[in-house]
Protein backbone atom coordinates (compact mmCIF):
# COMPACT_ATOMS: atom_id res chain seq x y z
CA UNK A 1 0.00 -0.01 0.01
CA UNK A 2 1.40 3.42 -0.96
CA UNK A 3 1.63 6.38 1.37
CA UNK A 4 -1.33 8.04 -0.39
CA UNK A 5 -3.49 4.97 0.10
CA UNK A 6 -2.46 4.74 3.75
CA UNK A 7 -3.32 8.37 4.42
CA UNK A 8 -6.61 8.03 2.52
CA UNK A 9 -7.43 4.98 4.64
CA UNK A 10 -6.62 6.84 7.82
CA UNK A 11 -8.73 9.82 6.80
CA UNK A 12 -11.67 7.73 5.59
CA UNK A 13 -12.04 5.60 8.69
CA UNK A 14 -14.46 2.70 8.71
CA UNK A 15 -17.28 4.54 6.93
CA UNK A 16 -15.19 5.70 3.94
CA UNK A 17 -14.14 2.28 2.67
CA UNK A 18 -16.52 2.49 -0.32
CA UNK A 19 -15.15 5.90 -1.27
CA UNK A 20 -11.58 4.64 -0.98
CA UNK A 21 -12.32 1.63 -3.13
CA UNK A 22 -13.98 3.87 -5.75
CA UNK A 23 -10.98 6.16 -5.68
CA UNK A 24 -8.58 3.28 -6.19
CA UNK A 25 -10.72 1.88 -9.03
CA UNK A 26 -10.75 5.23 -10.77
CA UNK A 27 -6.98 5.52 -10.48
CA UNK A 28 -6.57 2.07 -12.02
CA UNK A 29 -8.96 3.07 -14.82
CA UNK A 30 -7.07 6.25 -15.59
CA UNK A 31 -3.72 4.44 -15.54
CA UNK A 32 -5.05 1.93 -18.02
CA UNK A 33 -6.52 4.69 -20.14
CA UNK A 34 -3.24 6.60 -20.15
CA UNK A 35 -1.31 3.44 -21.07
CA UNK A 36 -3.67 2.82 -23.93
CA UNK A 37 -3.40 6.39 -25.18
CA UNK A 38 0.39 6.20 -25.08
CA UNK A 39 0.32 2.96 -27.11
CA UNK A 40 -2.03 4.56 -29.64
CA UNK A 41 0.14 7.64 -29.96
CA UNK A 42 3.19 5.44 -30.49
CA UNK A 43 1.35 3.59 -33.28
CA UNK A 44 0.35 6.88 -35.00
CA UNK A 45 3.85 8.31 -34.58
CA UNK A 46 5.36 5.36 -36.46
CA UNK A 47 3.08 5.81 -39.47
CA UNK A 48 3.30 8.89 -41.66
CA UNK A 49 -0.12 8.27 -43.23
CA UNK A 50 -1.57 7.86 -39.75
CA UNK A 51 -0.19 11.23 -38.69
CA UNK A 52 -1.52 12.82 -41.87
CA UNK A 53 -4.99 11.43 -41.23
CA UNK A 54 -4.83 12.56 -37.60
CA UNK A 55 -3.85 16.06 -38.74
CA UNK A 56 -6.80 16.16 -41.10
CA UNK A 57 -9.22 15.08 -38.40
CA UNK A 58 -7.86 17.67 -35.98
CA UNK A 59 -8.09 20.26 -38.74
CA UNK A 60 -11.81 19.49 -39.17
CA UNK A 61 -12.37 19.71 -35.39
CA UNK A 62 -10.54 23.03 -35.28
CA UNK A 63 -12.60 24.49 -38.13
CA UNK A 64 -15.86 23.19 -36.61
CA UNK A 65 -15.04 24.54 -33.15
CA UNK A 66 -14.05 27.99 -34.38
CA UNK A 67 -16.56 28.32 -37.24
CA UNK A 68 -18.40 31.25 -35.66
CA UNK A 69 -15.10 33.18 -35.52
CA UNK A 70 -13.90 32.14 -38.96
CA UNK A 71 -17.06 33.13 -40.71
CA UNK A 72 -19.17 35.35 -38.42
CA UNK A 73 -21.66 36.46 -41.10
CA UNK A 74 -24.19 34.52 -43.22
CA UNK A 75 -23.23 34.34 -46.90
């Protein structure tokens, strides 16, 4: 058990066991998610066509998000 987990256990007492368990589960989930995102980024980084496709997708998101600022008037 890490120091954070020990201090969380001490603070939670007997009634906070469910909250502690939920906190630990969410940490595990986010660690797995981060690990998965790192693996995905490594895969994209190794492929030039993957990076080009990712740039195009981000370009579309950028244009969609800032459309009111890019073209503020109706044609």
